[in-house]
Amino acid sequence: MSAEGVAISGTTHETFTINSDAADDEDAWLTFERGGLTNASLKWDSTNDRFDLNFPLIVSASLDVTGTFTADYVGIGTSPGAPYLLNVAADSYLQGTTYLGTTSTYFNTSGNLQMGG
């Protein structure tokens, strides 16, 4: 690991702090070098108070979302019916077949679908 040319052998603490001397309006990020390919990064966007990733995020357990959830692709588990949950507490957009419970309980739509409750 290196930080601006300084070699770091590791840490013995339970936390790893990045940019501890920063003001609230300063961005910070982790960059993963990928040779000649585009580097992967996890960036703290201080202007919008959020994390930005420049590659897809795979979650292999439950993902609970409160607020607006926007994604180009959502894959739950490795196959339909896998025991992973997607809990959305606000508006959401799902494209393709959405399974509810098991692979034998699903709905599929190619047009508009509105549900009220």
N, C-alpha and C. Protein backbone atom coordinates (compact mmCIF):
# COMPACT_ATOMS: atom_id res chain seq x y z
N MET A 1 0.86 -1.17 0.00
CA MET A 1 0.00 0.00 0.00
C MET A 1 0.90 1.23 0.00
N SER A 2 0.49 2.25 -0.68
CA SER A 2 1.25 3.49 -0.65
C SER A 2 0.32 4.68 -0.57
N ALA A 3 0.81 5.72 0.03
CA ALA A 3 0.06 6.97 0.14
C ALA A 3 1.00 8.08 -0.31
N GLU A 4 0.80 8.56 -1.51
CA GLU A 4 1.65 9.60 -2.09
C GLU A 4 3.13 9.28 -1.91
N GLY A 5 3.51 8.05 -2.26
CA GLY A 5 4.90 7.65 -2.24
C GLY A 5 5.42 7.11 -0.92
N VAL A 6 4.63 7.13 0.13
CA VAL A 6 5.06 6.63 1.43
C VAL A 6 4.58 5.19 1.58
N ALA A 7 5.49 4.25 1.82
CA ALA A 7 5.12 2.85 1.99
C ALA A 7 4.50 2.64 3.37
N ILE A 8 3.41 1.89 3.41
CA ILE A 8 2.71 1.59 4.66
C ILE A 8 2.69 0.08 4.81
N SER A 9 3.16 -0.43 5.93
CA SER A 9 3.24 -1.88 6.10
C SER A 9 1.94 -2.49 6.60
N GLY A 10 1.03 -1.73 7.10
CA GLY A 10 -0.24 -2.25 7.60
C GLY A 10 -0.71 -1.44 8.79
N THR A 11 -1.80 -1.86 9.36
CA THR A 11 -2.33 -1.16 10.52
C THR A 11 -2.76 -2.16 11.57
N THR A 12 -2.64 -1.79 12.83
CA THR A 12 -3.07 -2.66 13.91
C THR A 12 -4.37 -2.17 14.53
N HIS A 13 -4.95 -1.11 14.00
CA HIS A 13 -6.19 -0.56 14.54
C HIS A 13 -7.40 -1.14 13.84
N GLU A 14 -8.55 -1.05 14.49
CA GLU A 14 -9.79 -1.56 13.92
C GLU A 14 -10.41 -0.61 12.89
N THR A 15 -9.89 0.59 12.77
CA THR A 15 -10.40 1.54 11.78
C THR A 15 -9.26 2.02 10.89
N PHE A 16 -9.62 2.49 9.72
CA PHE A 16 -8.67 3.04 8.76
C PHE A 16 -9.26 4.38 8.33
N THR A 17 -8.65 5.48 8.71
CA THR A 17 -9.19 6.80 8.44
C THR A 17 -8.48 7.42 7.25
N ILE A 18 -9.27 7.95 6.34
CA ILE A 18 -8.74 8.63 5.16
C ILE A 18 -9.03 10.11 5.29
N ASN A 19 -8.02 10.94 5.07
CA ASN A 19 -8.20 12.38 5.02
C ASN A 19 -8.67 12.96 6.36
N SER A 20 -8.03 12.58 7.45
CA SER A 20 -8.48 12.99 8.78
C SER A 20 -8.34 14.49 9.03
N ASP A 21 -7.53 15.19 8.25
CA ASP A 21 -7.36 16.63 8.45
C ASP A 21 -8.20 17.46 7.48
N ALA A 22 -9.14 16.84 6.81
CA ALA A 22 -9.89 17.51 5.75
C ALA A 22 -11.04 18.35 6.30
N ALA A 23 -11.34 19.39 5.56
CA ALA A 23 -12.55 20.17 5.81
C ALA A 23 -13.73 19.38 5.25
N ASP A 24 -14.94 19.77 5.62
CA ASP A 24 -16.14 19.07 5.18
C ASP A 24 -16.34 19.15 3.67
N ASP A 25 -15.71 20.12 3.01
CA ASP A 25 -15.94 20.31 1.57
C ASP A 25 -14.85 19.67 0.71
N GLU A 26 -14.12 18.69 1.23
CA GLU A 26 -13.04 18.07 0.47
C GLU A 26 -13.38 16.62 0.13
N ASP A 27 -13.20 16.24 -1.14
CA ASP A 27 -13.44 14.87 -1.59
C ASP A 27 -12.28 13.97 -1.16
N ALA A 28 -12.56 12.67 -1.05
CA ALA A 28 -11.53 11.67 -0.76
C ALA A 28 -11.91 10.39 -1.48
N TRP A 29 -10.90 9.58 -1.85
CA TRP A 29 -11.23 8.34 -2.55
C TRP A 29 -10.15 7.29 -2.39
N LEU A 30 -10.57 6.05 -2.63
CA LEU A 30 -9.66 4.92 -2.75
C LEU A 30 -9.61 4.55 -4.22
N THR A 31 -8.43 4.36 -4.74
CA THR A 31 -8.27 3.97 -6.14
C THR A 31 -7.60 2.61 -6.20
N PHE A 32 -8.15 1.73 -7.02
CA PHE A 32 -7.60 0.39 -7.22
C PHE A 32 -6.97 0.35 -8.60
N GLU A 33 -5.65 0.27 -8.65
CA GLU A 33 -4.92 0.25 -9.93
C GLU A 33 -5.26 -1.01 -10.70
N ARG A 34 -5.49 -0.86 -12.02
CA ARG A 34 -5.84 -1.98 -12.87
C ARG A 34 -4.96 -2.05 -14.11
N GLY A 35 -3.70 -1.66 -13.96
CA GLY A 35 -2.78 -1.71 -15.09
C GLY A 35 -3.18 -0.72 -16.16
N GLY A 36 -3.29 -1.19 -17.42
CA GLY A 36 -3.66 -0.32 -18.53
C GLY A 36 -5.15 -0.06 -18.63
N LEU A 37 -5.95 -0.70 -17.77
CA LEU A 37 -7.41 -0.51 -17.79
C LEU A 37 -7.81 0.65 -16.89
N THR A 38 -9.05 1.08 -17.00
CA THR A 38 -9.57 2.13 -16.14
C THR A 38 -9.50 1.68 -14.69
N ASN A 39 -8.93 2.51 -13.82
CA ASN A 39 -8.85 2.18 -12.40
C ASN A 39 -10.24 2.19 -11.78
N ALA A 40 -10.43 1.35 -10.78
CA ALA A 40 -11.69 1.33 -10.03
C ALA A 40 -11.53 2.27 -8.84
N SER A 41 -12.59 3.01 -8.51
CA SER A 41 -12.48 3.93 -7.39
C SER A 41 -13.76 4.00 -6.58
N LEU A 42 -13.57 4.23 -5.29
CA LEU A 42 -14.64 4.51 -4.34
C LEU A 42 -14.36 5.93 -3.86
N LYS A 43 -15.25 6.86 -4.19
CA LYS A 43 -15.00 8.27 -3.93
C LYS A 43 -16.07 8.84 -3.00
N TRP A 44 -15.63 9.63 -2.01
CA TRP A 44 -16.56 10.40 -1.20
C TRP A 44 -16.74 11.74 -1.91
N ASP A 45 -17.97 12.01 -2.36
CA ASP A 45 -18.33 13.24 -3.05
C ASP A 45 -18.86 14.22 -2.01
N SER A 46 -18.02 15.14 -1.57
CA SER A 46 -18.40 16.06 -0.49
C SER A 46 -19.46 17.07 -0.92
N THR A 47 -19.54 17.38 -2.21
CA THR A 47 -20.55 18.32 -2.69
C THR A 47 -21.95 17.74 -2.52
N ASN A 48 -22.11 16.46 -2.85
CA ASN A 48 -23.43 15.81 -2.79
C ASN A 48 -23.60 14.92 -1.56
N ASP A 49 -22.61 14.88 -0.67
CA ASP A 49 -22.65 14.03 0.54
C ASP A 49 -23.02 12.60 0.22
N ARG A 50 -22.21 11.95 -0.64
CA ARG A 50 -22.50 10.57 -1.02
C ARG A 50 -21.22 9.90 -1.51
N PHE A 51 -21.28 8.58 -1.58
CA PHE A 51 -20.20 7.79 -2.17
C PHE A 51 -20.51 7.57 -3.64
N ASP A 52 -19.50 7.65 -4.49
CA ASP A 52 -19.62 7.36 -5.92
C ASP A 52 -18.67 6.22 -6.26
N LEU A 53 -19.16 5.25 -7.00
CA LEU A 53 -18.34 4.15 -7.49
C LEU A 53 -18.35 4.22 -9.00
N ASN A 54 -17.23 3.94 -9.64
CA ASN A 54 -17.19 4.01 -11.10
C ASN A 54 -17.30 2.64 -11.75
N PHE A 55 -17.59 1.61 -10.95
CA PHE A 55 -17.83 0.26 -11.45
C PHE A 55 -19.05 -0.30 -10.72
N PRO A 56 -19.64 -1.38 -11.23
CA PRO A 56 -20.80 -1.97 -10.56
C PRO A 56 -20.48 -2.42 -9.13
N LEU A 57 -21.49 -2.40 -8.29
CA LEU A 57 -21.37 -2.86 -6.91
C LEU A 57 -22.16 -4.15 -6.78
N ILE A 58 -21.52 -5.20 -6.35
CA ILE A 58 -22.17 -6.49 -6.13
C ILE A 58 -22.34 -6.67 -4.63
N VAL A 59 -23.57 -6.91 -4.18
CA VAL A 59 -23.86 -7.16 -2.78
C VAL A 59 -24.32 -8.60 -2.67
N SER A 60 -23.63 -9.41 -1.89
CA SER A 60 -23.98 -10.82 -1.81
C SER A 60 -24.71 -11.17 -0.52
N ALA A 61 -25.42 -10.21 0.03
CA ALA A 61 -26.29 -10.43 1.18
C ALA A 61 -27.47 -9.48 1.02
N SER A 62 -28.18 -9.18 2.08
CA SER A 62 -29.32 -8.27 2.01
C SER A 62 -28.86 -6.84 1.79
N LEU A 63 -29.64 -6.09 1.02
CA LEU A 63 -29.38 -4.67 0.79
C LEU A 63 -30.65 -3.92 1.15
N ASP A 64 -30.60 -3.12 2.20
CA ASP A 64 -31.74 -2.33 2.64
C ASP A 64 -31.54 -0.90 2.17
N VAL A 65 -32.53 -0.36 1.46
CA VAL A 65 -32.44 0.99 0.90
C VAL A 65 -33.56 1.84 1.48
N THR A 66 -33.21 2.99 2.03
CA THR A 66 -34.19 3.96 2.48
C THR A 66 -33.96 5.22 1.66
N GLY A 67 -35.00 5.70 1.00
CA GLY A 67 -34.85 6.86 0.13
C GLY A 67 -34.94 6.44 -1.32
N THR A 68 -34.45 7.26 -2.20
CA THR A 68 -34.51 6.99 -3.63
C THR A 68 -33.39 6.04 -4.02
N PHE A 69 -33.73 5.01 -4.78
CA PHE A 69 -32.75 4.03 -5.24
C PHE A 69 -32.72 4.06 -6.75
N THR A 70 -31.57 4.34 -7.34
CA THR A 70 -31.41 4.40 -8.79
C THR A 70 -30.28 3.48 -9.18
N ALA A 71 -30.52 2.64 -10.19
CA ALA A 71 -29.48 1.73 -10.65
C ALA A 71 -29.70 1.39 -12.11
N ASP A 72 -28.60 1.15 -12.82
CA ASP A 72 -28.71 0.67 -14.19
C ASP A 72 -28.99 -0.82 -14.22
N TYR A 73 -28.57 -1.54 -13.19
CA TYR A 73 -28.73 -2.99 -13.14
C TYR A 73 -28.83 -3.42 -11.70
N VAL A 74 -29.83 -4.23 -11.38
CA VAL A 74 -29.96 -4.81 -10.05
C VAL A 74 -30.04 -6.31 -10.22
N GLY A 75 -29.11 -7.04 -9.68
CA GLY A 75 -29.15 -8.50 -9.68
C GLY A 75 -29.19 -8.97 -8.25
N ILE A 76 -30.17 -9.79 -7.92
CA ILE A 76 -30.32 -10.28 -6.56
C ILE A 76 -29.89 -11.74 -6.53
N GLY A 77 -28.81 -12.05 -5.83
CA GLY A 77 -28.34 -13.43 -5.76
C GLY A 77 -27.72 -13.88 -7.07
N THR A 78 -27.54 -15.15 -7.20
CA THR A 78 -26.94 -15.69 -8.41
C THR A 78 -27.97 -16.28 -9.36
N SER A 79 -29.19 -16.47 -8.88
CA SER A 79 -30.25 -17.01 -9.73
C SER A 79 -31.59 -16.62 -9.12
N PRO A 80 -32.68 -16.65 -9.91
CA PRO A 80 -33.99 -16.34 -9.35
C PRO A 80 -34.29 -17.25 -8.16
N GLY A 81 -34.87 -16.68 -7.14
CA GLY A 81 -35.22 -17.47 -5.97
C GLY A 81 -34.11 -17.58 -4.95
N ALA A 82 -32.95 -16.97 -5.20
CA ALA A 82 -31.86 -17.01 -4.22
C ALA A 82 -32.30 -16.28 -2.96
N PRO A 83 -31.79 -16.65 -1.79
CA PRO A 83 -32.29 -16.10 -0.53
C PRO A 83 -31.72 -14.72 -0.18
N TYR A 84 -31.76 -13.79 -1.10
CA TYR A 84 -31.30 -12.44 -0.83
C TYR A 84 -32.48 -11.49 -1.00
N LEU A 85 -32.50 -10.43 -0.20
CA LEU A 85 -33.64 -9.52 -0.16
C LEU A 85 -33.30 -8.17 -0.77
N LEU A 86 -34.30 -7.54 -1.37
CA LEU A 86 -34.22 -6.15 -1.79
C LEU A 86 -35.39 -5.44 -1.15
N ASN A 87 -35.13 -4.60 -0.18
CA ASN A 87 -36.17 -3.84 0.51
C ASN A 87 -36.07 -2.40 0.07
N VAL A 88 -37.11 -1.89 -0.59
CA VAL A 88 -37.11 -0.52 -1.08
C VAL A 88 -38.19 0.24 -0.34
N ALA A 89 -37.80 1.32 0.35
CA ALA A 89 -38.73 2.09 1.15
C ALA A 89 -39.18 3.36 0.45
N ALA A 90 -38.96 3.47 -0.86
CA ALA A 90 -39.38 4.63 -1.63
C ALA A 90 -39.64 4.18 -3.06
N ASP A 91 -39.70 5.10 -4.00
CA ASP A 91 -39.95 4.76 -5.39
C ASP A 91 -38.82 3.89 -5.94
N SER A 92 -39.18 2.95 -6.82
CA SER A 92 -38.16 2.11 -7.44
C SER A 92 -38.58 1.75 -8.85
N TYR A 93 -37.61 1.39 -9.66
CA TYR A 93 -37.84 0.97 -11.04
C TYR A 93 -37.13 -0.35 -11.24
N LEU A 94 -37.88 -1.39 -11.58
CA LEU A 94 -37.30 -2.70 -11.83
C LEU A 94 -37.64 -3.10 -13.25
N GLN A 95 -36.67 -3.60 -13.98
CA GLN A 95 -36.90 -4.01 -15.36
C GLN A 95 -36.63 -5.51 -15.46
N GLY A 96 -37.47 -6.19 -16.23
CA GLY A 96 -37.32 -7.64 -16.38
C GLY A 96 -38.27 -8.37 -15.46
N THR A 97 -38.04 -9.65 -15.27
CA THR A 97 -38.89 -10.45 -14.40
C THR A 97 -38.52 -10.19 -12.95
N THR A 98 -39.53 -9.92 -12.13
CA THR A 98 -39.32 -9.71 -10.71
C THR A 98 -39.93 -10.87 -9.96
N TYR A 99 -39.13 -11.58 -9.20
CA TYR A 99 -39.59 -12.73 -8.44
C TYR A 99 -40.01 -12.29 -7.05
N LEU A 100 -41.14 -12.78 -6.61
CA LEU A 100 -41.67 -12.44 -5.29
C LEU A 100 -41.72 -13.72 -4.46
N GLY A 101 -40.72 -13.97 -3.66
CA GLY A 101 -40.71 -15.16 -2.83
C GLY A 101 -39.95 -16.30 -3.46
N THR A 102 -40.53 -16.97 -4.45
CA THR A 102 -39.88 -18.11 -5.09
C THR A 102 -39.95 -17.95 -6.59
N THR A 103 -39.30 -18.83 -7.31
CA THR A 103 -39.31 -18.75 -8.77
C THR A 103 -40.67 -19.05 -9.35
N SER A 104 -41.56 -19.65 -8.56
CA SER A 104 -42.91 -19.93 -9.07
C SER A 104 -43.88 -18.79 -8.79
N THR A 105 -43.45 -17.75 -8.08
CA THR A 105 -44.28 -16.60 -7.78
C THR A 105 -43.60 -15.37 -8.34
N TYR A 106 -44.03 -14.92 -9.52
CA TYR A 106 -43.39 -13.77 -10.13
C TYR A 106 -44.37 -13.04 -11.03
N PHE A 107 -44.03 -11.84 -11.41
CA PHE A 107 -44.81 -11.15 -12.43
C PHE A 107 -43.87 -10.64 -13.50
N ASN A 108 -44.39 -10.52 -14.69
CA ASN A 108 -43.61 -10.08 -15.83
C ASN A 108 -44.47 -9.08 -16.59
N THR A 109 -43.91 -7.95 -16.97
CA THR A 109 -44.68 -6.96 -17.71
C THR A 109 -43.82 -6.36 -18.81
N SER A 110 -44.45 -6.03 -19.92
CA SER A 110 -43.72 -5.38 -21.00
C SER A 110 -44.24 -3.97 -21.23
N GLY A 111 -45.23 -3.56 -20.45
CA GLY A 111 -45.78 -2.22 -20.57
C GLY A 111 -45.75 -1.53 -19.22
N ASN A 112 -46.67 -0.59 -19.01
CA ASN A 112 -46.73 0.13 -17.75
C ASN A 112 -47.47 -0.69 -16.70
N LEU A 113 -47.03 -0.63 -15.48
CA LEU A 113 -47.67 -1.30 -14.36
C LEU A 113 -47.71 -0.32 -13.21
N GLN A 114 -48.90 -0.05 -12.70
CA GLN A 114 -49.04 0.81 -11.54
C GLN A 114 -49.74 0.01 -10.45
N MET A 115 -49.22 0.13 -9.25
CA MET A 115 -49.81 -0.57 -8.11
C MET A 115 -50.05 0.44 -7.01
N GLY A 116 -51.15 0.33 -6.36
CA GLY A 116 -51.47 1.22 -5.25
C GLY A 116 -51.68 0.41 -3.98
N GLY A 117 -51.65 1.09 -2.88
CA GLY A 117 -51.84 0.33 -1.64
C GLY A 117 -52.08 1.24 -0.49
